[in-house]
C-alpha atoms as a PDB file:
ATOM      1  CA  MET A   1      91.314 -18.680 -48.890  1.00  0.00           C
ATOM      2  CA  SER A   2      88.628 -20.510 -50.851  1.00  0.00           C
ATOM      3  CA  SER A   3      85.102 -19.235 -51.040  1.00  0.00           C
ATOM      4  CA  ARG A   4      83.840 -22.334 -49.339  1.00  0.00           C
ATOM      5  CA  ARG A   5      86.185 -21.795 -46.399  1.00  0.00           C
ATOM      6  CA  LYS A   6      85.198 -18.153 -46.180  1.00  0.00           C
ATOM      7  CA  PHE A   7      81.559 -19.223 -46.130  1.00  0.00           C
ATOM      8  CA  LEU A   8      82.180 -21.720 -43.374  1.00  0.00           C
ATOM      9  CA  LEU A   9      84.044 -19.172 -41.258  1.00  0.00           C
ATOM     10  CA  ILE A  10      81.317 -16.518 -41.702  1.00  0.00           C
ATOM     11  CA  PHE A  11      78.667 -19.119 -40.892  1.00  0.00           C
ATOM     12  CA  CYS A  12      80.573 -20.208 -37.754  1.00  0.00           C
ATOM     13  CA  PHE A  13      80.890 -16.551 -36.639  1.00  0.00           C
ATOM     14  CA  ILE A  14      77.170 -15.986 -37.257  1.00  0.00           C
ATOM     15  CA  LEU A  15      76.334 -19.172 -35.362  1.00  0.00           C
ATOM     16  CA  LEU A  16      78.609 -18.109 -32.472  1.00  0.00           C
ATOM     17  CA  ASP A  17      77.084 -14.617 -32.373  1.00  0.00           C
ATOM     18  CA  MET A  18      73.563 -16.171 -32.286  1.00  0.00           C
ATOM     19  CA  PHE A  19      74.576 -18.398 -29.397  1.00  0.00           C
ATOM     20  CA  LEU A  20      76.121 -15.472 -27.521  1.00  0.00           C
ATOM     21  CA  LEU A  21      73.129 -13.321 -28.156  1.00  0.00           C
ATOM     22  CA  ILE A  22      70.701 -16.063 -27.080  1.00  0.00           C
ATOM     23  CA  GLY A  23      72.882 -16.678 -23.990  1.00  0.00           C
ATOM     24  CA  PHE A  24      72.827 -13.029 -23.130  1.00  0.00           C
ATOM     25  CA  LEU A  25      69.046 -12.692 -23.608  1.00  0.00           C
ATOM     26  CA  VAL A  26      68.465 -15.789 -21.460  1.00  0.00           C
ATOM     27  CA  ILE A  27      70.779 -14.517 -18.671  1.00  0.00           C
ATOM     28  CA  ARG A  28      69.248 -11.029 -18.814  1.00  0.00           C
ATOM     29  CA  ASP A  29      65.737 -12.455 -18.781  1.00  0.00           C
ATOM     30  CA  ALA A  30      66.583 -14.631 -15.789  1.00  0.00           C
ATOM     31  CA  THR A  31      68.173 -11.684 -13.997  1.00  0.00           C
ATOM     32  CA  LEU A  32      65.099  -9.445 -14.620  1.00  0.00           C
ATOM     33  CA  LEU A  33      62.771 -12.187 -13.460  1.00  0.00           C
ATOM     34  CA  ASN A  34      64.805 -12.783 -10.314  1.00  0.00           C
ATOM     35  CA  ASN A  35      64.823  -9.037  -9.502  1.00  0.00           C
ATOM     36  CA  LEU A  36      61.083  -8.909 -10.010  1.00  0.00           C
ATOM     37  CA  LYS A  37      60.483 -11.824  -7.692  1.00  0.00           C
ATOM     38  CA  LYS A  38      62.700 -10.296  -5.045  1.00  0.00           C
ATOM     39  CA  GLU A  39      60.911  -6.990  -5.217  1.00  0.00           C
ATOM     40  CA  VAL A  40      57.502  -8.687  -4.931  1.00  0.00           C
ATOM     41  CA  SER A  41      58.809 -10.767  -1.969  1.00  0.00           C
ATOM     42  CA  THR A  42      59.761  -7.406  -0.304  1.00  0.00           C
ATOM     43  CA  LEU A  43      56.248  -6.090  -0.958  1.00  0.00           C
ATOM     44  CA  SER A  44      54.724  -9.104   0.731  1.00  0.00           C
ATOM     45  CA  GLU A  45      56.458  -8.194   3.931  1.00  0.00           C
ATOM     46  CA  LEU A  46      54.831  -4.731   4.114  1.00  0.00           C
ATOM     47  CA  ASP A  47      51.723  -3.969   6.130  1.00  0.00           C
ATOM     48  CA  ILE A  48      48.994  -2.794   3.775  1.00  0.00           C
ATOM     49  CA  THR A  49      47.210  -1.090   6.654  1.00  0.00           C
ATOM     50  CA  LYS A  50      50.197   1.150   7.324  1.00  0.00           C
ATOM     51  CA  ASP A  51      52.627   1.162   4.365  1.00  0.00           C
ATOM     52  CA  ARG A  52      52.725   2.461   0.775  1.00  0.00           C
ATOM     53  CA  TYR A  53      53.724   0.512  -2.286  1.00  0.00           C
ATOM     54  CA  ASN A  54      54.650   3.415  -4.610  1.00  0.00           C
ATOM     55  CA  SER A  55      58.366   2.625  -4.602  1.00  0.00           C
ATOM     56  CA  LYS A  56      60.623   3.005  -7.650  1.00  0.00           C
ATOM     57  CA  ILE A  57      60.143   0.381 -10.435  1.00  0.00           C
ATOM     58  CA  LYS A  58      63.262  -1.767 -10.486  1.00  0.00           C
ATOM     59  CA  SER A  59      62.492  -4.040 -13.440  1.00  0.00           C
ATOM     60  CA  ARG A  60      62.718  -3.323 -17.146  1.00  0.00           C
ATOM     61  CA  GLY A  61      60.803  -4.061 -20.201  1.00  0.00           C
ATOM     62  CA  ASN A  62      57.636  -6.149 -19.834  1.00  0.00           C
ATOM     63  CA  TYR A  63      58.748  -7.176 -16.303  1.00  0.00           C
ATOM     64  CA  ALA A  64      58.528  -3.522 -15.372  1.00  0.00           C
ATOM     65  CA  ILE A  65      54.853  -3.554 -16.588  1.00  0.00           C
ATOM     66  CA  VAL A  66      54.130  -6.464 -14.297  1.00  0.00           C
ATOM     67  CA  GLU A  67      55.902  -4.818 -11.373  1.00  0.00           C
ATOM     68  CA  LYS A  68      54.141  -1.502 -11.906  1.00  0.00           C
ATOM     69  CA  ALA A  69      50.741  -3.257 -12.113  1.00  0.00           C
ATOM     70  CA  ILE A  70      51.337  -5.076  -8.783  1.00  0.00           C
ATOM     71  CA  LYS A  71      52.582  -1.952  -7.047  1.00  0.00           C
ATOM     72  CA  GLU A  72      49.854   0.169  -8.523  1.00  0.00           C
ATOM     73  CA  TYR A  73      47.032  -2.131  -7.423  1.00  0.00           C
ATOM     74  CA  LEU A  74      48.535  -2.545  -3.921  1.00  0.00           C
ATOM     75  CA  ASP A  75      49.198   1.165  -3.467  1.00  0.00           C
ATOM     76  CA  ASN A  76      45.788   2.234  -4.629  1.00  0.00           C
ATOM     77  CA  TYR A  77      44.384  -0.269  -2.128  1.00  0.00           C
ATOM     78  CA  ALA A  78      46.607   1.023   0.634  1.00  0.00           C
ATOM     79  CA  VAL A  79      45.498   4.664  -0.039  1.00  0.00           C
ATOM     80  CA  SER A  80      41.827   3.654   0.105  1.00  0.00           C
ATOM     81  CA  LEU A  81      42.482   1.779   3.329  1.00  0.00           C
ATOM     82  CA  HIS A  82      44.057   4.907   4.775  1.00  0.00           C
ATOM     83  CA  ASP A  83      40.986   6.864   3.742  1.00  0.00           C
ATOM     84  CA  VAL A  84      38.823   4.436   5.774  1.00  0.00           C
ATOM     85  CA  SER A  85      41.163   4.789   8.705  1.00  0.00           C
ATOM     86  CA  ASP A  86      40.799   8.607   8.486  1.00  0.00           C
ATOM     87  CA  ILE A  87      37.033   8.326   8.694  1.00  0.00           C
ATOM     88  CA  MET A  88      37.246   6.130  11.843  1.00  0.00           C
ATOM     89  CA  ASN A  89      39.688   8.471  13.472  1.00  0.00           C
ATOM     90  CA  ASP A  90      37.826  11.630  12.629  1.00  0.00           C
ATOM     91  CA  GLU A  91      37.553  13.841  15.663  1.00  0.00           C
ATOM     92  CA  GLN A  92      33.901  14.718  15.030  1.00  0.00           C
ATOM     93  CA  LEU A  93      32.934  11.006  15.121  1.00  0.00           C
ATOM     94  CA  LYS A  94      34.936  10.479  18.283  1.00  0.00           C
ATOM     95  CA  THR A  95      33.228  13.295  20.052  1.00  0.00           C
ATOM     96  CA  ILE A  96      29.758  12.988  18.677  1.00  0.00           C
ATOM     97  CA  LEU A  97      28.384  11.776  22.024  1.00  0.00           C
ATOM     98  CA  SER A  98      30.479  14.084  24.132  1.00  0.00           C
ATOM     99  CA  TYR A  99      29.444  16.810  26.605  1.00  0.00           C
ATOM    100  CA  ASP A 100      30.867  19.464  24.267  1.00  0.00           C
ATOM    101  CA  ASN A 101      28.807  18.214  21.306  1.00  0.00           C
ATOM    102  CA  TYR A 102      25.620  17.991  23.386  1.00  0.00           C
ATOM    103  CA  LEU A 103      26.198  21.580  24.456  1.00  0.00           C
ATOM    104  CA  LYS A 104      27.051  22.798  20.936  1.00  0.00           C
ATOM    105  CA  ASP A 105      24.528  20.896  18.763  1.00  0.00           C
ATOM    106  CA  GLY A 106      21.765  19.842  21.132  1.00  0.00           C
ATOM    107  CA  PRO A 107      18.938  19.485  21.598  1.00  0.00           C
ATOM    108  CA  GLU A 108      18.022  19.059  17.925  1.00  0.00           C
ATOM    109  CA  PHE A 109      21.440  17.717  16.734  1.00  0.00           C
ATOM    110  CA  ILE A 110      20.768  18.821  13.168  1.00  0.00           C
ATOM    111  CA  GLU A 111      24.486  18.977  12.244  1.00  0.00           C
ATOM    112  CA  SER A 112      25.331  15.732  14.057  1.00  0.00           C
ATOM    113  CA  LEU A 113      22.641  13.688  12.423  1.00  0.00           C
ATOM    114  CA  ALA A 114      23.557  14.931   8.981  1.00  0.00           C
ATOM    115  CA  TYR A 115      27.213  14.194   9.650  1.00  0.00           C
ATOM    116  CA  LEU A 116      26.502  10.654  10.873  1.00  0.00           C
ATOM    117  CA  SER A 117      24.252   9.831   7.915  1.00  0.00           C
ATOM    118  CA  LYS A 118      26.746  11.171   5.367  1.00  0.00           C
ATOM    119  CA  THR A 119      29.765   9.646   6.959  1.00  0.00           C
ATOM    120  CA  LYS A 120      28.206   6.243   7.422  1.00  0.00           C
ATOM    121  CA  GLU A 121      27.262   6.121   3.747  1.00  0.00           C
ATOM    122  CA  LYS A 122      30.802   7.247   2.769  1.00  0.00           C
ATOM    123  CA  PHE A 123      32.395   4.690   5.117  1.00  0.00           C
ATOM    124  CA  ASN A 124      30.313   1.744   3.880  1.00  0.00           C
ATOM    125  CA  LYS A 125      30.949   2.614   0.223  1.00  0.00           C
ATOM    126  CA  LYS A 126      34.663   2.735   0.772  1.00  0.00           C
ATOM    127  CA  ILE A 127      34.904  -0.391   2.929  1.00  0.00           C
ATOM    128  CA  ASP A 128      32.655  -2.441   0.594  1.00  0.00           C
ATOM    129  CA  LYS A 129      34.950  -1.536  -2.292  1.00  0.00           C
ATOM    130  CA  LEU A 130      37.990  -2.590  -0.253  1.00  0.00           C
ATOM    131  CA  ILE A 131      36.431  -5.948   0.516  1.00  0.00           C
ATOM    132  CA  ASN A 132      35.374  -6.295  -3.033  1.00  0.00           C
ATOM    133  CA  ASP A 133      38.853  -5.404  -4.375  1.00  0.00           C
ATOM    134  CA  LEU A 134      40.262  -8.461  -2.472  1.00  0.00           C
ATOM    135  CA  ASP A 135      38.396 -10.758  -4.830  1.00  0.00           C
ATOM    136  CA  GLU A 136      40.879 -12.913  -6.757  1.00  0.00           C
ATOM    137  CA  GLU A 137      39.210 -12.526 -10.117  1.00  0.00           C
ATOM    138  CA  ILE A 138      39.265  -8.677  -9.835  1.00  0.00           C
ATOM    139  CA  MET A 139      43.010  -8.789  -8.952  1.00  0.00           C
ATOM    140  CA  LYS A 140      43.754 -11.278 -11.711  1.00  0.00           C
ATOM    141  CA  ASN A 141      42.006  -9.199 -14.339  1.00  0.00           C
ATOM    142  CA  TYR A 142      43.803  -6.006 -13.428  1.00  0.00           C
ATOM    143  CA  ILE A 143      46.872  -6.878 -15.571  1.00  0.00           C
ATOM    144  CA  ASN A 144      44.677  -7.243 -18.662  1.00  0.00           C
ATOM    145  CA  LYS A 145      44.522  -3.539 -19.055  1.00  0.00           C
ATOM    146  CA  LYS A 146      48.290  -3.261 -18.994  1.00  0.00           C
ATOM    147  CA  ILE A 147      49.606  -5.998 -21.323  1.00  0.00           C
ATOM    148  CA  SER A 148      48.293  -8.781 -23.553  1.00  0.00           C
ATOM    149  CA  ASP A 149      51.223 -11.275 -23.555  1.00  0.00           C
ATOM    150  CA  PRO A 150      50.001 -14.467 -21.903  1.00  0.00           C
ATOM    151  CA  TYR A 151      53.480 -15.157 -20.340  1.00  0.00           C
ATOM    152  CA  TYR A 152      53.517 -11.861 -18.425  1.00  0.00           C
ATOM    153  CA  ILE A 153      49.784 -12.044 -17.573  1.00  0.00           C
ATOM    154  CA  ASN A 154      50.402 -15.479 -15.975  1.00  0.00           C
ATOM    155  CA  LEU A 155      53.557 -14.192 -14.233  1.00  0.00           C
ATOM    156  CA  TYR A 156      51.567 -11.264 -12.752  1.00  0.00           C
ATOM    157  CA  LYS A 157      48.963 -13.700 -11.489  1.00  0.00           C
ATOM    158  CA  GLU A 158      51.564 -16.036  -9.996  1.00  0.00           C
ATOM    159  CA  LEU A 159      53.286 -13.188  -8.098  1.00  0.00           C
ATOM    160  CA  MET A 160      50.177 -11.241  -7.155  1.00  0.00           C
ATOM    161  CA  LEU A 161      48.462 -14.328  -5.816  1.00  0.00           C
ATOM    162  CA  GLY A 162      51.407 -16.133  -4.298  1.00  0.00           C
ATOM    163  CA  ASP A 163      50.934 -17.857  -0.985  1.00  0.00           C
ATOM    164  CA  SER A 164      52.298 -15.046   1.249  1.00  0.00           C
ATOM    165  CA  MET A 165      50.270 -12.421  -0.643  1.00  0.00           C
ATOM    166  CA  VAL A 166      47.050 -14.434  -0.492  1.00  0.00           C
ATOM    167  CA  GLN A 167      47.541 -14.951   3.215  1.00  0.00           C
ATOM    168  CA  ASN A 168      47.921 -11.177   3.660  1.00  0.00           C
ATOM    169  CA  PHE A 169      44.799 -10.531   1.578  1.00  0.00           C
ATOM    170  CA  ASN A 170      42.749 -13.071   3.569  1.00  0.00           C
ATOM    171  CA  GLU A 171      43.803 -11.613   6.865  1.00  0.00           C
ATOM    172  CA  THR A 172      42.975  -8.154   5.619  1.00  0.00           C
ATOM    173  CA  ARG A 173      39.545  -9.259   4.463  1.00  0.00           C
ATOM    174  CA  ASP A 174      38.770 -10.741   7.848  1.00  0.00           C
ATOM    175  CA  VAL A 175      39.888  -7.474   9.597  1.00  0.00           C
ATOM    176  CA  LEU A 176      37.774  -5.380   7.235  1.00  0.00           C
ATOM    177  CA  ASN A 177      34.630  -7.513   7.743  1.00  0.00           C
ATOM    178  CA  LYS A 178      34.970  -7.138  11.517  1.00  0.00           C
ATOM    179  CA  LEU A 179      35.788  -3.464  11.177  1.00  0.00           C
ATOM    180  CA  LYS A 180      32.684  -2.872   9.069  1.00  0.00           C
ATOM    181  CA  ILE A 181      30.475  -4.404  11.820  1.00  0.00           C
ATOM    182  CA  SER A 182      32.225  -2.525  14.601  1.00  0.00           C
ATOM    183  CA  VAL A 183      32.213   0.929  12.938  1.00  0.00           C
ATOM    184  CA  ASN A 184      28.613   0.595  11.780  1.00  0.00           C
ATOM    185  CA  ASN A 185      27.708  -0.224  15.399  1.00  0.00           C
ATOM    186  CA  VAL A 186      29.226   3.161  16.356  1.00  0.00           C
ATOM    187  CA  PHE A 187      27.212   4.963  13.672  1.00  0.00           C
ATOM    188  CA  ASP A 188      23.945   3.184  14.549  1.00  0.00           C
ATOM    189  CA  VAL A 189      24.290   3.560  18.296  1.00  0.00           C
ATOM    190  CA  SER A 190      25.282   7.170  17.925  1.00  0.00           C
ATOM    191  CA  LEU A 191      22.169   7.821  15.827  1.00  0.00           C
ATOM    192  CA  GLU A 192      20.041   5.970  18.363  1.00  0.00           C
ATOM    193  CA  VAL A 193      21.391   7.985  21.258  1.00  0.00           C
ATOM    194  CA  LEU A 194      20.867  11.353  19.514  1.00  0.00           C
ATOM    195  CA  ASN A 195      17.341  10.485  18.380  1.00  0.00           C
ATOM    196  CA  PHE A 196      16.580   9.445  21.918  1.00  0.00           C
ATOM    197  CA  LEU A 197      17.856  12.804  23.232  1.00  0.00           C
ATOM    198  CA  ILE A 198      15.826  14.665  20.571  1.00  0.00           C
ATOM    199  CA  VAL A 199      12.605  12.878  21.504  1.00  0.00           C
ATOM    200  CA  ASN A 200      13.336  13.611  25.170  1.00  0.00           C
ATOM    201  CA  LYS A 201      14.780  17.011  24.718  1.00  0.00           C
ATOM    202  CA  GLU A 202      12.712  18.574  27.533  1.00  0.00           C
ATOM    203  CA  SER A 203      13.925  15.970  29.958  1.00  0.00           C
ATOM    204  CA  TRP A 204      17.714  16.413  29.981  1.00  0.00           C
ATOM    205  CA  LYS A 205      20.365  19.095  30.239  1.00  0.00           C
ATOM    206  CA  VAL A 206      24.159  19.378  30.272  1.00  0.00           C
ATOM    207  CA  GLU A 207      25.552  20.710  33.454  1.00  0.00           C
ATOM    208  CA  ASP A 208      28.827  20.500  35.404  1.00  0.00           C
ATOM    209  CA  GLY A 209      30.522  18.539  32.656  1.00  0.00           C
ATOM    210  CA  GLU A 210      27.824  15.810  32.380  1.00  0.00           C
ATOM    211  CA  ILE A 211      24.403  15.077  30.958  1.00  0.00           C
ATOM    212  CA  LYS A 212      21.588  14.969  33.496  1.00  0.00           C
ATOM    213  CA  PHE A 213      18.025  13.577  33.198  1.00  0.00           C
ATOM    214  CA  LEU A 214      14.805  14.393  34.999  1.00  0.00           C
ATOM    215  CA  THR A 215      14.207  10.690  35.830  1.00  0.00           C
ATOM    216  CA  ASN A 216      16.303   7.680  36.637  1.00  0.00           C
ATOM    217  CA  ASP A 217      14.436   5.678  33.952  1.00  0.00           C
ATOM    218  CA  LEU A 218      15.660   8.029  31.209  1.00  0.00           C
ATOM    219  CA  TYR A 219      19.168   8.076  32.625  1.00  0.00           C
ATOM    220  CA  ASN A 220      19.274   4.244  32.841  1.00  0.00           C
ATOM    221  CA  TYR A 221      18.021   3.844  29.304  1.00  0.00           C
ATOM    222  CA  TYR A 222      20.547   6.401  28.070  1.00  0.00           C
ATOM    223  CA  ASN A 223      23.301   4.307  29.707  1.00  0.00           C
ATOM    224  CA  ILE A 224      21.939   1.147  28.103  1.00  0.00           C
ATOM    225  CA  LEU A 225      22.290   2.785  24.723  1.00  0.00           C
ATOM    226  CA  ILE A 226      25.773   4.075  25.432  1.00  0.00           C
ATOM    227  CA  ASN A 227      26.896   0.632  26.610  1.00  0.00           C
ATOM    228  CA  LYS A 228      26.021  -0.729  23.153  1.00  0.00           C
ATOM    229  CA  LEU A 229      29.176   0.979  21.859  1.00  0.00           C
ATOM    230  CA  ASN A 230      31.258  -1.598  23.689  1.00  0.00           C
ATOM    231  CA  ILE A 231      29.559  -4.468  21.894  1.00  0.00           C
ATOM    232  CA  SER A 232      31.819  -5.760  19.108  1.00  0.00           C
END
């Protein structure tokens, strides 16, 4: 076999190998991208107020970085959301205006006032961050700490801010804004009621499972304050 023919055969083999390698890489890349999109589609069906997003990373390579960034952001958000829920469902807050608390902490309510002040500040700090973290620019920029390749940065933005995800984010933002107003109303009214009881500490007592006032005017005003809790 002549040298020229050998060269042509070797060249053809190299060319074939290159085509096979390129074909393999293209197919692998398309498969990884498809798997990533399927996983993000699954995430979009979860309820961020109830679910967690810390599931196993199913992509590989740079796609795994994108998947991890999306899941990390959403899971951190979900955990913070659960923290806010814990504050709202705290038993001390639920019973702050109860007969038992009046009996235990009244008439000065030192512990109750300190709790309300501290918890209100904590709640607002957390819920303001949650609302702020739904800002599109903040979500977009999160990937910049993970990778610098423009293709994967744009892919992250495309998936993170897809239509279904954005709809979920917008709905969550609306819920949080209403929740902030509602829960702050609970804090403010509770503080108002306790301060009213402190000022009039000589004019009320807890007896037979209820609070009793010396005058109807005080009793009526107390009920007016309590009824503010039902205003949303």
